[in-house]
Each structure stands twice: as C-alpha cells, then as structure tokens.
Amino acid sequence: MQAAGGRRKGNNSHPVKIRELTVQAKERLGRIRQDDVSELFSLRLEATARIYGIRDRRALKLLWYDRYHGTNTKAVYPVRLR
C-alpha cells in the first residue's frame, strides 16, 4: 500500500470503489457473496494485468485476475482515458 499512488507517485496499485466497477464485476461479487464491501484493492502486475481482492489488515483476499485492464468491454474496472 505504501508504494500505491498512481502513475507519477507509485506503482498504480490502489483501492477501487465498488460503484466504479463494471456491471459484470458487481454481478459476480453478488454471485460469490462478496458484495458487502465498499471497495476492492487493485494490485498491478503488468501494464494491463491486475489482481483484485479485499484487503483485510495486511492480507489481500484474492477475488480475480483481470488481464483486460483498460479494455472497457472486458475489464473489471474500466479505465477512463484522459
């Protein structure tokens, strides 16, 4: 978490509000009974690969791997280009 901070100040790993996820991701959270949290944590692995999970103190409960980060039609968390 200390290295998180975005493009200029870290490694692009950061918390993500549930309301900002795609509809498909929100539906999946309901199916796996994990829809009672307000945010997930996005952990950057590569340029377009992310792992999403729920933070619990110093642990991350992994939920899924997203190899389509940035592709709005397939991504868990759509990227809004500047």
Protein backbone atom coordinates (compact mmCIF):
# COMPACT_ATOMS: atom_id res chain seq x y z
CA MET A 1 0.00 0.00 0.00
CA GLN A 2 2.88 2.39 0.70
CA ALA A 3 4.00 2.12 -2.94
CA ALA A 4 0.50 2.86 -4.23
CA GLY A 5 0.00 6.28 -5.65
CA GLY A 6 -0.64 6.21 -9.34
CA ARG A 7 1.37 6.85 -12.43
CA ARG A 8 3.57 9.62 -11.01
CA LYS A 9 3.97 8.59 -7.38
CA GLY A 10 3.81 4.81 -7.16
CA ASN A 11 3.01 1.53 -8.84
CA ASN A 12 -0.65 2.06 -9.86
CA SER A 13 -1.96 -0.34 -7.20
CA HIS A 14 -4.85 1.33 -5.39
CA PRO A 15 -8.27 0.97 -3.74
CA VAL A 16 -11.27 0.85 -6.11
CA LYS A 17 -14.82 1.78 -5.08
CA ILE A 18 -17.37 -0.94 -5.84
CA ARG A 19 -19.64 1.63 -7.52
CA GLU A 20 -16.90 2.20 -10.15
CA LEU A 21 -16.70 -1.45 -11.25
CA THR A 22 -18.37 -2.76 -14.38
CA VAL A 23 -21.87 -4.21 -14.13
CA GLN A 24 -20.45 -7.70 -14.77
CA ALA A 25 -17.98 -7.32 -11.90
CA LYS A 26 -20.71 -6.16 -9.50
CA GLU A 27 -22.89 -9.11 -10.51
CA ARG A 28 -20.02 -11.52 -9.91
CA LEU A 29 -19.44 -10.08 -6.45
CA GLY A 30 -23.07 -10.89 -5.68
CA ARG A 31 -22.78 -14.44 -7.04
CA ILE A 32 -19.72 -15.16 -4.89
CA ARG A 33 -21.32 -13.43 -1.88
CA GLN A 34 -18.68 -10.74 -1.57
CA ASP A 35 -20.93 -7.76 -2.32
CA ASP A 36 -20.97 -6.46 1.26
CA VAL A 37 -17.72 -4.47 0.91
CA SER A 38 -17.39 -0.86 -0.22
CA GLU A 39 -14.08 -1.22 -2.06
CA LEU A 40 -11.62 -3.67 -3.54
CA PHE A 41 -7.89 -3.32 -3.92
CA SER A 42 -6.37 -3.37 -7.40
CA LEU A 43 -2.86 -4.78 -7.47
CA ARG A 44 -0.92 -4.02 -10.65
CA LEU A 45 1.08 -6.96 -12.03
CA GLU A 46 1.92 -5.75 -15.54
CA ALA A 47 0.85 -2.98 -17.89
CA THR A 48 -2.66 -4.40 -18.39
CA ALA A 49 -2.83 -7.19 -15.79
CA ARG A 50 -4.40 -6.65 -12.38
CA ILE A 51 -5.42 -8.75 -9.40
CA TYR A 52 -8.46 -7.60 -7.42
CA GLY A 53 -9.16 -8.52 -3.85
CA ILE A 54 -10.47 -7.48 -0.48
CA ARG A 55 -7.97 -6.05 1.99
CA ASP A 56 -8.07 -7.45 5.49
CA ARG A 57 -5.44 -5.70 7.56
CA ARG A 58 -2.17 -6.76 5.93
CA ALA A 59 -3.66 -9.55 3.80
CA LEU A 60 -5.38 -9.46 0.42
CA LYS A 61 -8.20 -11.95 -0.18
CA LEU A 62 -7.89 -12.56 -3.92
CA LEU A 63 -11.09 -12.49 -5.95
CA TRP A 64 -9.99 -12.45 -9.57
CA TYR A 65 -7.32 -11.83 -12.16
CA ASP A 66 -8.08 -9.21 -14.81
CA ARG A 67 -5.88 -9.38 -17.88
CA TYR A 68 -8.01 -6.78 -19.69
CA HIS A 69 -7.38 -3.73 -17.53
CA GLY A 70 -8.16 -0.74 -19.67
CA THR A 71 -10.41 -2.58 -22.15
CA ASN A 72 -13.77 -1.19 -21.13
CA THR A 73 -15.82 -4.06 -22.57
CA LYS A 74 -13.94 -6.80 -20.70
CA ALA A 75 -12.28 -5.12 -17.71
CA VAL A 76 -13.32 -5.41 -14.08
CA TYR A 77 -12.57 -1.73 -13.56
CA PRO A 78 -12.90 0.36 -16.73
CA VAL A 79 -10.20 2.96 -17.27
CA ARG A 80 -11.25 6.44 -18.19
CA LEU A 81 -8.65 7.82 -20.59
CA ARG A 82 -7.54 11.39 -20.05
